[in-house]
Amino acid sequence: MINSQSLYKERLLHVYHKGNIKEKNDPIVYETQLHLLVNDESLADLVCSPQAFTELAVGYLLSENVLQVYEDLQGIHFDEQQQKACIYTAKSPKSRNQYFHQVNSCAGRGQQGLQTNVAGIAPVHAPNVFFRPEQIFAMVEEMEKRGTTFRLTGGTHSAALGDQGKLLVSYEDIGRHNAVDKVFGHAFLQQIPLEDKCLVLSGRIASEILLKAARRNVPLVISRSAATGLAIDLAEELGITLVGFTRGDKFNIYCHKERIKI
C-alpha cells in the first residue's frame, strides 16, 4: 500500500469563522481514474483514490463475477503512466455475463435498480465460527486508528479484513465500494481464506456491500454505522451475521446473533 499522504494534497482555501475570513492550507482528499481492461478489451473506468489499483481491479472483477476462483486469473499488467490495468482471465466477461458497462464507482456503481439478485450465491455455512464482543470493538477501533486520511480530510471511507480481533489489511477510498473491493482483491491475490474472517466498515451496510461479502463467503459484516433494511433481509437469507452502530461499548446485532459469543 502506498503512503496515506498520497491520498490528499494541501490546498489553499478560506475559512469563515465568526464574521472573519482567513486563509488556510488544508488537506484535501483527491481522486483519480483507473481504466480497467479485461483480456485487452475496455471494461470500466473506476473513479477512486490513488491507491492499490491492482487490488481494486481484481476486487471489482470479483464483485462482477468475472473472477470466481484463483485459477480464473491468468495475469495482471499495470501501466502506471496511463493509469491502466489490464487483467487477463480464463474467460472473457462477455462469455460469462452480458450486463457489463462503463461505470463511475465513486459513491456507487451507476447501475440501474437495487442489487437484490441472490441467484447463484450460496448461503454462508460457518457453524463453528464465533466472534466475541471485545474482538469486534478492537477491530473497529483499529480501523479508525488506521483511517489517517479520513481524520485529516473527512473525505474517505474505510474497509478492513478482520481475523479474531485483528485486522489483516485495511484501505481508505473515496468510494465505499472501492474500499471493499480493495480488501477482497487483496485477499484473493494473497489467497487468504475468508470463511472465518469478517468485513469491517466505517460506512453504512447497504445491500450491494452485503452481497459482495456473501459472494466471498464472509460470515460476519461489522460497521460503526447502520445497516439498511434490504441488507438485513439479505443477510438473514444468506446466513451472514450483521453488526452495526459499533460505538463505545455497544453494537446492534441485526441477524444471526448465534455467532456472537458472550
C-alpha atoms as a PDB file:
ATOM      1  CA  MET A   1       0.000   0.000   0.000  1.00  0.00           C
ATOM      2  CA  ILE A   2       1.232   3.476  -0.759  1.00  0.00           C
ATOM      3  CA  ASN A   3       1.537   6.055   1.986  1.00  0.00           C
ATOM      4  CA  SER A   4      -1.770   7.551   3.026  1.00  0.00           C
ATOM      5  CA  GLN A   5      -0.364  11.020   2.384  1.00  0.00           C
ATOM      6  CA  SER A   6      -0.615  10.237  -1.329  1.00  0.00           C
ATOM      7  CA  LEU A   7      -4.402  10.260  -0.959  1.00  0.00           C
ATOM      8  CA  TYR A   8      -4.586  14.001  -0.312  1.00  0.00           C
ATOM      9  CA  LYS A   9      -2.947  17.304  -1.150  1.00  0.00           C
ATOM     10  CA  GLU A  10      -2.593  20.589   0.693  1.00  0.00           C
ATOM     11  CA  ARG A  11      -4.759  23.304  -0.860  1.00  0.00           C
ATOM     12  CA  LEU A  12      -5.163  26.969  -0.044  1.00  0.00           C
ATOM     13  CA  LEU A  13      -8.708  27.822   0.982  1.00  0.00           C
ATOM     14  CA  HIS A  14     -10.556  30.431   3.003  1.00  0.00           C
ATOM     15  CA  VAL A  15     -12.332  29.730   6.272  1.00  0.00           C
ATOM     16  CA  TYR A  16     -15.231  31.814   7.552  1.00  0.00           C
ATOM     17  CA  HIS A  17     -15.498  31.970  11.353  1.00  0.00           C
ATOM     18  CA  LYS A  18     -17.495  34.448  13.438  1.00  0.00           C
ATOM     19  CA  GLY A  19     -17.509  37.272  10.940  1.00  0.00           C
ATOM     20  CA  ASN A  20     -13.954  36.811   9.690  1.00  0.00           C
ATOM     21  CA  ILE A  21     -12.471  35.099   6.617  1.00  0.00           C
ATOM     22  CA  LYS A  22      -8.936  33.772   6.878  1.00  0.00           C
ATOM     23  CA  GLU A  23      -6.603  31.887   4.547  1.00  0.00           C
ATOM     24  CA  LYS A  24      -5.688  28.351   5.472  1.00  0.00           C
ATOM     25  CA  ASN A  25      -3.759  25.462   3.933  1.00  0.00           C
ATOM     26  CA  ASP A  26      -5.916  22.393   4.381  1.00  0.00           C
ATOM     27  CA  PRO A  27      -5.523  18.718   3.354  1.00  0.00           C
ATOM     28  CA  ILE A  28      -7.998  17.885   0.578  1.00  0.00           C
ATOM     29  CA  VAL A  29      -8.744  14.319  -0.486  1.00  0.00           C
ATOM     30  CA  TYR A  30      -8.381  13.826  -4.211  1.00  0.00           C
ATOM     31  CA  GLU A  31      -9.461  11.312  -6.779  1.00  0.00           C
ATOM     32  CA  THR A  32      -8.213   9.734  -9.941  1.00  0.00           C
ATOM     33  CA  GLN A  33      -9.473   7.321 -12.577  1.00  0.00           C
ATOM     34  CA  LEU A  34      -8.373   3.771 -13.258  1.00  0.00           C
ATOM     35  CA  HIS A  35      -9.064   2.428 -16.727  1.00  0.00           C
ATOM     36  CA  LEU A  36      -9.780  -1.290 -16.490  1.00  0.00           C
ATOM     37  CA  LEU A  37      -9.364  -3.716 -19.369  1.00  0.00           C
ATOM     38  CA  VAL A  38     -10.039  -7.438 -19.378  1.00  0.00           C
ATOM     39  CA  ASN A  39      -8.210  -9.524 -21.970  1.00  0.00           C
ATOM     40  CA  ASP A  40      -7.221  -6.264 -23.707  1.00  0.00           C
ATOM     41  CA  GLU A  41     -10.847  -5.115 -24.041  1.00  0.00           C
ATOM     42  CA  SER A  42     -12.036  -1.971 -22.247  1.00  0.00           C
ATOM     43  CA  LEU A  43     -14.436  -2.800 -19.414  1.00  0.00           C
ATOM     44  CA  ALA A  44     -14.781   0.091 -16.959  1.00  0.00           C
ATOM     45  CA  ASP A  45     -13.434   3.416 -15.766  1.00  0.00           C
ATOM     46  CA  LEU A  46     -13.255   3.418 -11.974  1.00  0.00           C
ATOM     47  CA  VAL A  47     -13.133   6.737 -10.129  1.00  0.00           C
ATOM     48  CA  CYS A  48     -11.132   6.054  -6.994  1.00  0.00           C
ATOM     49  CA  SER A  49      -8.452   7.102  -4.558  1.00  0.00           C
ATOM     50  CA  PRO A  50      -4.920   6.683  -5.991  1.00  0.00           C
ATOM     51  CA  GLN A  51      -4.010   3.570  -4.030  1.00  0.00           C
ATOM     52  CA  ALA A  52      -3.969  -0.201  -4.537  1.00  0.00           C
ATOM     53  CA  PHE A  53      -5.039  -0.165  -8.182  1.00  0.00           C
ATOM     54  CA  THR A  54      -4.360  -3.866  -8.702  1.00  0.00           C
ATOM     55  CA  GLU A  55      -6.403  -4.838  -5.649  1.00  0.00           C
ATOM     56  CA  LEU A  56      -9.223  -2.581  -6.821  1.00  0.00           C
ATOM     57  CA  ALA A  57      -9.242  -4.041 -10.325  1.00  0.00           C
ATOM     58  CA  VAL A  58      -9.256  -7.623  -9.051  1.00  0.00           C
ATOM     59  CA  GLY A  59     -11.861  -6.860  -6.382  1.00  0.00           C
ATOM     60  CA  TYR A  60     -14.111  -5.216  -8.939  1.00  0.00           C
ATOM     61  CA  LEU A  61     -13.921  -8.287 -11.184  1.00  0.00           C
ATOM     62  CA  LEU A  62     -14.746 -10.481  -8.192  1.00  0.00           C
ATOM     63  CA  SER A  63     -17.821  -8.395  -7.450  1.00  0.00           C
ATOM     64  CA  GLU A  64     -18.874  -8.634 -11.114  1.00  0.00           C
ATOM     65  CA  ASN A  65     -18.315 -12.421 -11.087  1.00  0.00           C
ATOM     66  CA  VAL A  66     -15.669 -12.336 -13.820  1.00  0.00           C
ATOM     67  CA  LEU A  67     -13.259 -13.882 -11.326  1.00  0.00           C
ATOM     68  CA  GLN A  68     -14.544 -16.654  -9.101  1.00  0.00           C
ATOM     69  CA  VAL A  69     -11.601 -18.892  -8.222  1.00  0.00           C
ATOM     70  CA  TYR A  70      -7.889 -18.130  -8.267  1.00  0.00           C
ATOM     71  CA  GLU A  71      -7.347 -20.172 -11.420  1.00  0.00           C
ATOM     72  CA  ASP A  72      -9.549 -17.704 -13.329  1.00  0.00           C
ATOM     73  CA  LEU A  73      -6.786 -15.103 -13.021  1.00  0.00           C
ATOM     74  CA  GLN A  74      -4.272 -15.516 -15.832  1.00  0.00           C
ATOM     75  CA  GLY A  75      -2.206 -12.367 -15.468  1.00  0.00           C
ATOM     76  CA  ILE A  76      -2.072  -8.684 -14.491  1.00  0.00           C
ATOM     77  CA  HIS A  77      -0.403  -5.777 -16.264  1.00  0.00           C
ATOM     78  CA  PHE A  78      -0.477  -2.241 -14.873  1.00  0.00           C
ATOM     79  CA  ASP A  79       0.534   0.769 -16.956  1.00  0.00           C
ATOM     80  CA  GLU A  80       1.427   3.454 -14.432  1.00  0.00           C
ATOM     81  CA  GLN A  81       1.788   6.260 -16.984  1.00  0.00           C
ATOM     82  CA  GLN A  82      -1.652   5.728 -18.475  1.00  0.00           C
ATOM     83  CA  GLN A  83      -3.106   4.531 -15.163  1.00  0.00           C
ATOM     84  CA  LYS A  84      -4.467   1.474 -16.893  1.00  0.00           C
ATOM     85  CA  ALA A  85      -4.878  -2.033 -15.507  1.00  0.00           C
ATOM     86  CA  CYS A  86      -5.251  -4.999 -17.822  1.00  0.00           C
ATOM     87  CA  ILE A  87      -6.409  -8.203 -16.209  1.00  0.00           C
ATOM     88  CA  TYR A  88      -6.154 -11.456 -18.131  1.00  0.00           C
ATOM     89  CA  THR A  89      -8.809 -14.029 -17.255  1.00  0.00           C
ATOM     90  CA  ALA A  90      -9.599 -17.584 -18.300  1.00  0.00           C
ATOM     91  CA  LYS A  91     -12.865 -16.457 -19.878  1.00  0.00           C
ATOM     92  CA  SER A  92     -13.868 -13.080 -21.242  1.00  0.00           C
ATOM     93  CA  PRO A  93     -16.571 -11.069 -19.448  1.00  0.00           C
ATOM     94  CA  LYS A  94     -18.890 -11.275 -22.457  1.00  0.00           C
ATOM     95  CA  SER A  95     -18.893 -15.053 -22.318  1.00  0.00           C
ATOM     96  CA  ARG A  96     -19.782 -15.016 -18.625  1.00  0.00           C
ATOM     97  CA  ASN A  97     -22.138 -12.086 -18.332  1.00  0.00           C
ATOM     98  CA  GLN A  98     -23.983  -9.770 -20.678  1.00  0.00           C
ATOM     99  CA  TYR A  99     -24.561  -6.788 -18.364  1.00  0.00           C
ATOM    100  CA  PHE A 100     -21.148  -5.100 -18.266  1.00  0.00           C
ATOM    101  CA  HIS A 101     -20.970  -1.411 -18.943  1.00  0.00           C
ATOM    102  CA  GLN A 102     -18.932   1.691 -18.300  1.00  0.00           C
ATOM    103  CA  VAL A 103     -19.344   2.844 -14.700  1.00  0.00           C
ATOM    104  CA  ASN A 104     -18.328   5.569 -12.319  1.00  0.00           C
ATOM    105  CA  SER A 105     -17.666   3.923  -8.980  1.00  0.00           C
ATOM    106  CA  CYS A 106     -17.052   6.825  -6.645  1.00  0.00           C
ATOM    107  CA  ALA A 107     -20.175   6.622  -4.497  1.00  0.00           C
ATOM    108  CA  GLY A 108     -21.826   3.732  -6.317  1.00  0.00           C
ATOM    109  CA  ARG A 109     -21.676   1.650  -9.434  1.00  0.00           C
ATOM    110  CA  GLY A 110     -24.031   3.671 -11.539  1.00  0.00           C
ATOM    111  CA  GLN A 111     -26.091   0.546 -12.154  1.00  0.00           C
ATOM    112  CA  GLN A 112     -29.851   0.627 -12.516  1.00  0.00           C
ATOM    113  CA  GLY A 113     -32.002  -0.849  -9.787  1.00  0.00           C
ATOM    114  CA  LEU A 114     -31.292  -2.303  -6.369  1.00  0.00           C
ATOM    115  CA  GLN A 115     -28.786  -5.113  -6.083  1.00  0.00           C
ATOM    116  CA  THR A 116     -31.095  -7.855  -4.814  1.00  0.00           C
ATOM    117  CA  ASN A 117     -30.328 -10.824  -7.051  1.00  0.00           C
ATOM    118  CA  VAL A 118     -29.027 -13.685  -4.898  1.00  0.00           C
ATOM    119  CA  ALA A 119     -29.175 -16.285  -7.656  1.00  0.00           C
ATOM    120  CA  GLY A 120     -26.038 -18.395  -7.580  1.00  0.00           C
ATOM    121  CA  ILE A 121     -24.949 -17.116  -4.143  1.00  0.00           C
ATOM    122  CA  ALA A 122     -24.856 -19.967  -1.634  1.00  0.00           C
ATOM    123  CA  PRO A 123     -25.741 -19.175   1.987  1.00  0.00           C
ATOM    124  CA  VAL A 124     -22.706 -18.855   4.234  1.00  0.00           C
ATOM    125  CA  HIS A 125     -22.208 -22.015   6.260  1.00  0.00           C
ATOM    126  CA  ALA A 126     -19.869 -21.450   9.206  1.00  0.00           C
ATOM    127  CA  PRO A 127     -21.350 -23.326  12.198  1.00  0.00           C
ATOM    128  CA  ASN A 128     -18.129 -23.300  14.224  1.00  0.00           C
ATOM    129  CA  VAL A 129     -17.114 -19.677  13.663  1.00  0.00           C
ATOM    130  CA  PHE A 130     -17.706 -17.277  16.566  1.00  0.00           C
ATOM    131  CA  PHE A 131     -16.704 -13.718  17.435  1.00  0.00           C
ATOM    132  CA  ARG A 132     -16.501 -12.145  20.877  1.00  0.00           C
ATOM    133  CA  PRO A 133     -17.680  -8.584  21.597  1.00  0.00           C
ATOM    134  CA  GLU A 134     -14.205  -7.466  22.660  1.00  0.00           C
ATOM    135  CA  GLN A 135     -12.850  -8.628  19.282  1.00  0.00           C
ATOM    136  CA  ILE A 136     -15.493  -6.624  17.433  1.00  0.00           C
ATOM    137  CA  PHE A 137     -14.709  -3.458  19.409  1.00  0.00           C
ATOM    138  CA  ALA A 138     -10.969  -3.951  18.895  1.00  0.00           C
ATOM    139  CA  MET A 139     -11.293  -4.308  15.110  1.00  0.00           C
ATOM    140  CA  VAL A 140     -13.464  -1.209  14.713  1.00  0.00           C
ATOM    141  CA  GLU A 141     -11.103   0.780  16.931  1.00  0.00           C
ATOM    142  CA  GLU A 142      -8.076  -0.354  14.917  1.00  0.00           C
ATOM    143  CA  MET A 143      -9.792   0.522  11.637  1.00  0.00           C
ATOM    144  CA  GLU A 144     -10.477   4.029  12.937  1.00  0.00           C
ATOM    145  CA  LYS A 145      -6.842   4.414  14.044  1.00  0.00           C
ATOM    146  CA  ARG A 146      -5.674   3.475  10.560  1.00  0.00           C
ATOM    147  CA  GLY A 147      -8.048   5.985   8.950  1.00  0.00           C
ATOM    148  CA  THR A 148      -5.432   8.734   8.685  1.00  0.00           C
ATOM    149  CA  THR A 149      -6.824  10.325   5.546  1.00  0.00           C
ATOM    150  CA  PHE A 150     -10.349  10.486   6.941  1.00  0.00           C
ATOM    151  CA  ARG A 151      -9.156  12.208  10.106  1.00  0.00           C
ATOM    152  CA  LEU A 152      -7.318  14.796   8.018  1.00  0.00           C
ATOM    153  CA  THR A 153      -9.867  15.356   5.269  1.00  0.00           C
ATOM    154  CA  GLY A 154     -13.203  13.781   6.227  1.00  0.00           C
ATOM    155  CA  GLY A 155     -13.388  12.552   2.631  1.00  0.00           C
ATOM    156  CA  THR A 156     -12.822   8.788   2.657  1.00  0.00           C
ATOM    157  CA  HIS A 157     -14.470   5.517   3.642  1.00  0.00           C
ATOM    158  CA  SER A 158     -12.633   2.628   5.281  1.00  0.00           C
ATOM    159  CA  ALA A 159     -12.914  -1.132   4.878  1.00  0.00           C
ATOM    160  CA  ALA A 160     -10.834  -3.834   6.507  1.00  0.00           C
ATOM    161  CA  LEU A 161     -10.498  -7.596   6.745  1.00  0.00           C
ATOM    162  CA  GLY A 162     -10.716  -8.800  10.338  1.00  0.00           C
ATOM    163  CA  ASP A 163      -9.461 -12.005  11.900  1.00  0.00           C
ATOM    164  CA  GLN A 164     -10.484 -12.693  15.503  1.00  0.00           C
ATOM    165  CA  GLY A 165      -9.829  -9.204  16.836  1.00  0.00           C
ATOM    166  CA  LYS A 166      -7.016  -8.189  14.463  1.00  0.00           C
ATOM    167  CA  LEU A 167      -7.020  -6.523  11.065  1.00  0.00           C
ATOM    168  CA  LEU A 168      -5.159  -8.294   8.281  1.00  0.00           C
ATOM    169  CA  VAL A 169      -5.474  -5.392   5.834  1.00  0.00           C
ATOM    170  CA  SER A 170      -7.364  -2.094   5.539  1.00  0.00           C
ATOM    171  CA  TYR A 171      -7.943   0.502   2.834  1.00  0.00           C
ATOM    172  CA  GLU A 172      -9.358   4.000   2.564  1.00  0.00           C
ATOM    173  CA  ASP A 173     -11.043   5.256  -0.589  1.00  0.00           C
ATOM    174  CA  ILE A 174     -13.411   7.987  -1.724  1.00  0.00           C
ATOM    175  CA  GLY A 175     -15.882   5.216  -2.614  1.00  0.00           C
ATOM    176  CA  ARG A 176     -17.359   2.664  -0.191  1.00  0.00           C
ATOM    177  CA  HIS A 177     -17.488   0.043  -2.927  1.00  0.00           C
ATOM    178  CA  ASN A 178     -13.871   0.685  -3.887  1.00  0.00           C
ATOM    179  CA  ALA A 179     -12.632   0.223  -0.327  1.00  0.00           C
ATOM    180  CA  VAL A 180     -14.445  -3.112  -0.054  1.00  0.00           C
ATOM    181  CA  ASP A 181     -13.241  -4.250  -3.484  1.00  0.00           C
ATOM    182  CA  LYS A 182      -9.655  -3.460  -2.493  1.00  0.00           C
ATOM    183  CA  VAL A 183      -9.998  -5.594   0.633  1.00  0.00           C
ATOM    184  CA  PHE A 184     -11.395  -8.567  -1.271  1.00  0.00           C
ATOM    185  CA  GLY A 185      -8.953  -8.057  -4.128  1.00  0.00           C
ATOM    186  CA  HIS A 186      -6.071  -8.234  -1.634  1.00  0.00           C
ATOM    187  CA  ALA A 187      -7.480 -11.374  -0.017  1.00  0.00           C
ATOM    188  CA  PHE A 188      -7.926 -13.023  -3.429  1.00  0.00           C
ATOM    189  CA  LEU A 189      -4.399 -12.198  -4.585  1.00  0.00           C
ATOM    190  CA  GLN A 190      -2.911 -13.432  -1.304  1.00  0.00           C
ATOM    191  CA  GLN A 191      -5.225 -16.468  -1.319  1.00  0.00           C
ATOM    192  CA  ILE A 192      -6.495 -15.714   2.178  1.00  0.00           C
ATOM    193  CA  PRO A 193      -9.407 -17.995   3.161  1.00  0.00           C
ATOM    194  CA  LEU A 194     -12.428 -15.934   4.205  1.00  0.00           C
ATOM    195  CA  GLU A 195     -14.839 -18.418   5.757  1.00  0.00           C
ATOM    196  CA  ASP A 196     -13.685 -17.460   9.284  1.00  0.00           C
ATOM    197  CA  LYS A 197     -12.955 -13.753   8.670  1.00  0.00           C
ATOM    198  CA  CYS A 198     -15.094 -10.621   8.840  1.00  0.00           C
ATOM    199  CA  LEU A 199     -15.552  -7.429   6.848  1.00  0.00           C
ATOM    200  CA  VAL A 200     -15.185  -4.247   8.918  1.00  0.00           C
ATOM    201  CA  LEU A 201     -16.632  -0.983   7.593  1.00  0.00           C
ATOM    202  CA  SER A 202     -16.789   2.669   8.504  1.00  0.00           C
ATOM    203  CA  GLY A 203     -19.930   3.414   6.473  1.00  0.00           C
ATOM    204  CA  ARG A 204     -23.429   2.019   6.222  1.00  0.00           C
ATOM    205  CA  ILE A 205     -24.008  -1.589   5.268  1.00  0.00           C
ATOM    206  CA  ALA A 206     -26.101  -1.421   2.102  1.00  0.00           C
ATOM    207  CA  SER A 207     -27.413  -4.345   0.065  1.00  0.00           C
ATOM    208  CA  GLU A 208     -24.672  -4.277  -2.589  1.00  0.00           C
ATOM    209  CA  ILE A 209     -21.953  -4.309   0.083  1.00  0.00           C
ATOM    210  CA  LEU A 210     -23.669  -7.228   1.804  1.00  0.00           C
ATOM    211  CA  LEU A 211     -23.748  -9.168  -1.475  1.00  0.00           C
ATOM    212  CA  LYS A 212     -20.023  -8.606  -2.009  1.00  0.00           C
ATOM    213  CA  ALA A 213     -19.401 -10.255   1.379  1.00  0.00           C
ATOM    214  CA  ALA A 214     -21.786 -13.093   0.582  1.00  0.00           C
ATOM    215  CA  ARG A 215     -20.024 -13.854  -2.715  1.00  0.00           C
ATOM    216  CA  ARG A 216     -16.751 -14.196  -0.807  1.00  0.00           C
ATOM    217  CA  ASN A 217     -18.336 -16.428   1.874  1.00  0.00           C
ATOM    218  CA  VAL A 218     -17.711 -13.975   4.733  1.00  0.00           C
ATOM    219  CA  PRO A 219     -19.776 -14.889   7.837  1.00  0.00           C
ATOM    220  CA  LEU A 220     -19.719 -11.511   9.637  1.00  0.00           C
ATOM    221  CA  VAL A 221     -20.026  -7.889   8.499  1.00  0.00           C
ATOM    222  CA  ILE A 222     -19.378  -5.149  11.066  1.00  0.00           C
ATOM    223  CA  SER A 223     -19.817  -1.390  10.792  1.00  0.00           C
ATOM    224  CA  ARG A 224     -19.715   1.627  13.042  1.00  0.00           C
ATOM    225  CA  SER A 225     -22.714   2.861  11.046  1.00  0.00           C
ATOM    226  CA  ALA A 226     -26.173   1.480  10.268  1.00  0.00           C
ATOM    227  CA  ALA A 227     -27.412  -1.334   8.047  1.00  0.00           C
ATOM    228  CA  THR A 228     -30.242  -0.847   5.565  1.00  0.00           C
ATOM    229  CA  GLY A 229     -33.405  -2.899   5.759  1.00  0.00           C
ATOM    230  CA  LEU A 230     -32.649  -4.674   2.494  1.00  0.00           C
ATOM    231  CA  ALA A 231     -29.135  -5.555   3.660  1.00  0.00           C
ATOM    232  CA  ILE A 232     -30.617  -7.088   6.814  1.00  0.00           C
ATOM    233  CA  ASP A 233     -33.128  -9.111   4.780  1.00  0.00           C
ATOM    234  CA  LEU A 234     -30.357 -10.412   2.516  1.00  0.00           C
ATOM    235  CA  ALA A 235     -28.064 -11.207   5.455  1.00  0.00           C
ATOM    236  CA  GLU A 236     -30.860 -13.161   7.116  1.00  0.00           C
ATOM    237  CA  GLU A 237     -31.418 -15.151   3.938  1.00  0.00           C
ATOM    238  CA  LEU A 238     -27.722 -15.723   3.212  1.00  0.00           C
ATOM    239  CA  GLY A 239     -26.651 -16.677   6.726  1.00  0.00           C
ATOM    240  CA  ILE A 240     -24.470 -13.647   7.468  1.00  0.00           C
ATOM    241  CA  THR A 241     -24.223 -12.097  10.922  1.00  0.00           C
ATOM    242  CA  LEU A 242     -24.751  -8.355  10.654  1.00  0.00           C
ATOM    243  CA  VAL A 243     -23.460  -5.934  13.304  1.00  0.00           C
ATOM    244  CA  GLY A 244     -23.890  -2.162  13.154  1.00  0.00           C
ATOM    245  CA  PHE A 245     -23.564   1.008  15.227  1.00  0.00           C
ATOM    246  CA  THR A 246     -20.419  -0.353  16.864  1.00  0.00           C
ATOM    247  CA  ARG A 247     -19.587   2.587  19.077  1.00  0.00           C
ATOM    248  CA  GLY A 248     -18.326   2.891  22.626  1.00  0.00           C
ATOM    249  CA  ASP A 249     -19.369  -0.287  24.414  1.00  0.00           C
ATOM    250  CA  LYS A 250     -22.470  -1.083  22.320  1.00  0.00           C
ATOM    251  CA  PHE A 251     -23.407  -2.564  18.972  1.00  0.00           C
ATOM    252  CA  ASN A 252     -26.582  -3.755  17.239  1.00  0.00           C
ATOM    253  CA  ILE A 253     -26.888  -7.354  16.077  1.00  0.00           C
ATOM    254  CA  TYR A 254     -29.363  -7.326  13.195  1.00  0.00           C
ATOM    255  CA  CYS A 255     -29.430 -11.039  12.451  1.00  0.00           C
ATOM    256  CA  HIS A 256     -27.738 -14.402  13.126  1.00  0.00           C
ATOM    257  CA  LYS A 257     -26.673 -13.471  16.645  1.00  0.00           C
ATOM    258  CA  GLU A 258     -25.596 -17.079  17.254  1.00  0.00           C
ATOM    259  CA  ARG A 259     -22.085 -16.193  16.007  1.00  0.00           C
ATOM    260  CA  ILE A 260     -21.611 -13.583  18.739  1.00  0.00           C
ATOM    261  CA  LYS A 261     -20.221 -15.443  21.719  1.00  0.00           C
ATOM    262  CA  ILE A 262     -20.627 -13.795  25.130  1.00  0.00           C
END
